[in-house]
Amino acid sequence: MSLNLTEPPFFRVHVFCCTNQRPESHERGSCAAKNGVKLRNYMKIRAKELGLKDIRVNTAGCLDRCEQGPVIVVYPQGIWYKAETFADIDEILVRHFVRGIPVEHLRIQPENPQAGT
């Protein structure tokens, strides 16, 4: 069986939302403790309401940015976001996925891990 690299992908974008749960006393915290599950659920609903059928919003385990959570990563671009509110989710969906403009003030940069805080 040969791999056909010219086939269109099932989805243009995959969005991974961390919902990892750690004990409340854990020093790094967790995205679930910071409403990661509610934010992921909201993002899924809003993406459908906006008609974004070429985007797949997925649950992710730990993305190893616990201190900056709730964390979202967008592939294939590799753009990382900290989204704390429903308004943050709306801004990401509309600006990034509808208009094609990353939301800079919510981004977490690998070279500047404190961004987005």
C-alpha atoms as a PDB file:
ATOM      1  CA  MET A   1       0.000   0.000   0.000  1.00  0.00           C
ATOM      2  CA  SER A   2       1.457   3.351  -1.013  1.00  0.00           C
ATOM      3  CA  LEU A   3       0.904   6.593   0.850  1.00  0.00           C
ATOM      4  CA  ASN A   4      -0.968   9.174  -1.207  1.00  0.00           C
ATOM      5  CA  LEU A   5       0.249  12.567  -0.011  1.00  0.00           C
ATOM      6  CA  THR A   6      -2.011  14.444  -2.412  1.00  0.00           C
ATOM      7  CA  GLU A   7      -5.248  13.476  -0.671  1.00  0.00           C
ATOM      8  CA  PRO A   8      -6.895  16.336   1.193  1.00  0.00           C
ATOM      9  CA  PRO A   9      -6.771  15.989   4.984  1.00  0.00           C
ATOM     10  CA  PHE A  10      -9.934  15.192   6.934  1.00  0.00           C
ATOM     11  CA  PHE A  11      -9.500  18.469   8.803  1.00  0.00           C
ATOM     12  CA  ARG A  12      -7.589  21.660   7.980  1.00  0.00           C
ATOM     13  CA  VAL A  13      -6.759  22.234  11.639  1.00  0.00           C
ATOM     14  CA  HIS A  14      -6.555  20.144  14.802  1.00  0.00           C
ATOM     15  CA  VAL A  15      -7.010  21.996  18.082  1.00  0.00           C
ATOM     16  CA  PHE A  16      -5.814  20.170  21.187  1.00  0.00           C
ATOM     17  CA  CYS A  17      -7.253  21.444  24.470  1.00  0.00           C
ATOM     18  CA  CYS A  18      -5.543  20.242  27.621  1.00  0.00           C
ATOM     19  CA  THR A  19      -7.951  18.776  30.170  1.00  0.00           C
ATOM     20  CA  ASN A  20      -5.327  17.065  32.320  1.00  0.00           C
ATOM     21  CA  GLN A  21      -6.286  16.727  35.995  1.00  0.00           C
ATOM     22  CA  ARG A  22      -3.761  16.685  38.812  1.00  0.00           C
ATOM     23  CA  PRO A  23      -4.347  16.804  42.554  1.00  0.00           C
ATOM     24  CA  GLU A  24      -5.134  20.335  43.770  1.00  0.00           C
ATOM     25  CA  SER A  25      -1.940  20.307  45.826  1.00  0.00           C
ATOM     26  CA  HIS A  26       0.316  19.621  42.825  1.00  0.00           C
ATOM     27  CA  GLU A  27       2.949  22.356  42.438  1.00  0.00           C
ATOM     28  CA  ARG A  28       2.433  22.727  38.673  1.00  0.00           C
ATOM     29  CA  GLY A  29      -1.343  22.865  38.802  1.00  0.00           C
ATOM     30  CA  SER A  30      -3.443  21.478  35.970  1.00  0.00           C
ATOM     31  CA  CYS A  31      -5.552  22.730  33.107  1.00  0.00           C
ATOM     32  CA  ALA A  32      -8.619  20.856  34.389  1.00  0.00           C
ATOM     33  CA  ALA A  33      -8.405  22.742  37.684  1.00  0.00           C
ATOM     34  CA  LYS A  34      -8.414  25.974  35.638  1.00  0.00           C
ATOM     35  CA  ASN A  35     -11.675  25.108  33.811  1.00  0.00           C
ATOM     36  CA  GLY A  36      -9.969  23.366  30.887  1.00  0.00           C
ATOM     37  CA  VAL A  37     -12.874  20.939  30.398  1.00  0.00           C
ATOM     38  CA  LYS A  38     -15.534  23.692  30.354  1.00  0.00           C
ATOM     39  CA  LEU A  39     -13.442  25.739  27.933  1.00  0.00           C
ATOM     40  CA  ARG A  40     -12.902  22.742  25.622  1.00  0.00           C
ATOM     41  CA  ASN A  41     -16.628  21.947  25.654  1.00  0.00           C
ATOM     42  CA  TYR A  42     -17.459  25.575  24.883  1.00  0.00           C
ATOM     43  CA  MET A  43     -14.931  25.645  22.036  1.00  0.00           C
ATOM     44  CA  LYS A  44     -16.479  22.555  20.461  1.00  0.00           C
ATOM     45  CA  ILE A  45     -19.982  24.053  20.616  1.00  0.00           C
ATOM     46  CA  ARG A  46     -18.906  27.483  19.327  1.00  0.00           C
ATOM     47  CA  ALA A  47     -16.881  25.986  16.458  1.00  0.00           C
ATOM     48  CA  LYS A  48     -20.017  24.168  15.289  1.00  0.00           C
ATOM     49  CA  GLU A  49     -22.149  27.295  15.718  1.00  0.00           C
ATOM     50  CA  LEU A  50     -19.657  29.242  13.594  1.00  0.00           C
ATOM     51  CA  GLY A  51     -19.794  26.557  10.890  1.00  0.00           C
ATOM     52  CA  LEU A  52     -16.119  25.640  11.244  1.00  0.00           C
ATOM     53  CA  LYS A  53     -16.458  22.137   9.800  1.00  0.00           C
ATOM     54  CA  ASP A  54     -12.814  21.835   8.769  1.00  0.00           C
ATOM     55  CA  ILE A  55     -11.577  22.195  12.353  1.00  0.00           C
ATOM     56  CA  ARG A  56     -11.385  19.362  14.857  1.00  0.00           C
ATOM     57  CA  VAL A  57     -11.382  20.312  18.548  1.00  0.00           C
ATOM     58  CA  ASN A  58      -9.819  17.472  20.538  1.00  0.00           C
ATOM     59  CA  THR A  59      -9.216  16.640  24.164  1.00  0.00           C
ATOM     60  CA  ALA A  60      -5.566  16.360  25.122  1.00  0.00           C
ATOM     61  CA  GLY A  61      -3.804  15.078  28.168  1.00  0.00           C
ATOM     62  CA  CYS A  62      -0.916  17.014  29.607  1.00  0.00           C
ATOM     63  CA  LEU A  63       0.771  19.313  27.089  1.00  0.00           C
ATOM     64  CA  ASP A  64       3.541  20.147  29.601  1.00  0.00           C
ATOM     65  CA  ARG A  65       2.697  23.836  29.950  1.00  0.00           C
ATOM     66  CA  CYS A  66       0.717  23.342  33.166  1.00  0.00           C
ATOM     67  CA  GLU A  67       1.723  26.604  34.811  1.00  0.00           C
ATOM     68  CA  GLN A  68       0.382  28.553  31.820  1.00  0.00           C
ATOM     69  CA  GLY A  69      -2.915  26.724  31.461  1.00  0.00           C
ATOM     70  CA  PRO A  70      -5.499  26.257  30.333  1.00  0.00           C
ATOM     71  CA  VAL A  71      -3.441  25.489  27.243  1.00  0.00           C
ATOM     72  CA  ILE A  72      -4.539  25.000  23.642  1.00  0.00           C
ATOM     73  CA  VAL A  73      -2.263  24.043  20.753  1.00  0.00           C
ATOM     74  CA  VAL A  74      -3.195  24.368  17.078  1.00  0.00           C
ATOM     75  CA  TYR A  75      -1.744  22.070  14.425  1.00  0.00           C
ATOM     76  CA  PRO A  76      -0.345  22.030  11.802  1.00  0.00           C
ATOM     77  CA  GLN A  77       0.790  25.581  12.654  1.00  0.00           C
ATOM     78  CA  GLY A  78       2.089  24.707  16.114  1.00  0.00           C
ATOM     79  CA  ILE A  79       0.568  27.813  17.695  1.00  0.00           C
ATOM     80  CA  TRP A  80       0.097  27.645  21.464  1.00  0.00           C
ATOM     81  CA  TYR A  81      -2.519  29.624  23.372  1.00  0.00           C
ATOM     82  CA  LYS A  82      -3.490  30.281  26.946  1.00  0.00           C
ATOM     83  CA  ALA A  83      -7.282  30.632  27.036  1.00  0.00           C
ATOM     84  CA  GLU A  84      -8.845  31.401  30.411  1.00  0.00           C
ATOM     85  CA  THR A  85     -12.334  32.605  29.459  1.00  0.00           C
ATOM     86  CA  PHE A  86     -15.122  31.992  26.982  1.00  0.00           C
ATOM     87  CA  ALA A  87     -14.217  35.389  25.479  1.00  0.00           C
ATOM     88  CA  ASP A  88     -10.667  34.101  24.865  1.00  0.00           C
ATOM     89  CA  ILE A  89     -12.109  31.056  23.085  1.00  0.00           C
ATOM     90  CA  ASP A  90     -14.388  33.258  20.953  1.00  0.00           C
ATOM     91  CA  GLU A  91     -11.453  35.476  20.016  1.00  0.00           C
ATOM     92  CA  ILE A  92      -9.327  32.483  18.998  1.00  0.00           C
ATOM     93  CA  LEU A  93     -12.127  30.968  16.933  1.00  0.00           C
ATOM     94  CA  VAL A  94     -13.040  34.177  15.111  1.00  0.00           C
ATOM     95  CA  ARG A  95      -9.648  35.798  14.686  1.00  0.00           C
ATOM     96  CA  HIS A  96      -7.497  32.714  14.135  1.00  0.00           C
ATOM     97  CA  PHE A  97      -9.826  30.281  12.381  1.00  0.00           C
ATOM     98  CA  VAL A  98     -12.259  32.580  10.576  1.00  0.00           C
ATOM     99  CA  ARG A  99      -9.960  35.522   9.744  1.00  0.00           C
ATOM    100  CA  GLY A 100      -6.627  33.666   9.729  1.00  0.00           C
ATOM    101  CA  ILE A 101      -4.919  36.007  12.202  1.00  0.00           C
ATOM    102  CA  PRO A 102      -3.263  34.458  15.281  1.00  0.00           C
ATOM    103  CA  VAL A 103      -4.259  36.091  18.573  1.00  0.00           C
ATOM    104  CA  GLU A 104      -0.890  37.403  19.706  1.00  0.00           C
ATOM    105  CA  HIS A 105      -1.822  38.488  23.223  1.00  0.00           C
ATOM    106  CA  LEU A 106      -3.004  34.929  24.048  1.00  0.00           C
ATOM    107  CA  ARG A 107      -0.026  33.135  22.499  1.00  0.00           C
ATOM    108  CA  ILE A 108       2.551  31.199  24.464  1.00  0.00           C
ATOM    109  CA  GLN A 109       5.926  31.438  22.763  1.00  0.00           C
ATOM    110  CA  PRO A 110       8.481  28.608  23.197  1.00  0.00           C
ATOM    111  CA  GLU A 111      11.258  31.172  23.620  1.00  0.00           C
ATOM    112  CA  ASN A 112       9.115  33.168  26.092  1.00  0.00           C
ATOM    113  CA  PRO A 113       7.148  30.689  28.190  1.00  0.00           C
ATOM    114  CA  GLN A 114       5.705  33.439  30.391  1.00  0.00           C
ATOM    115  CA  ALA A 115       3.823  35.051  27.469  1.00  0.00           C
ATOM    116  CA  GLY A 116       0.079  34.771  27.621  1.00  0.00           C
ATOM    117  CA  THR A 117       0.044  35.282  31.389  1.00  0.00           C
END
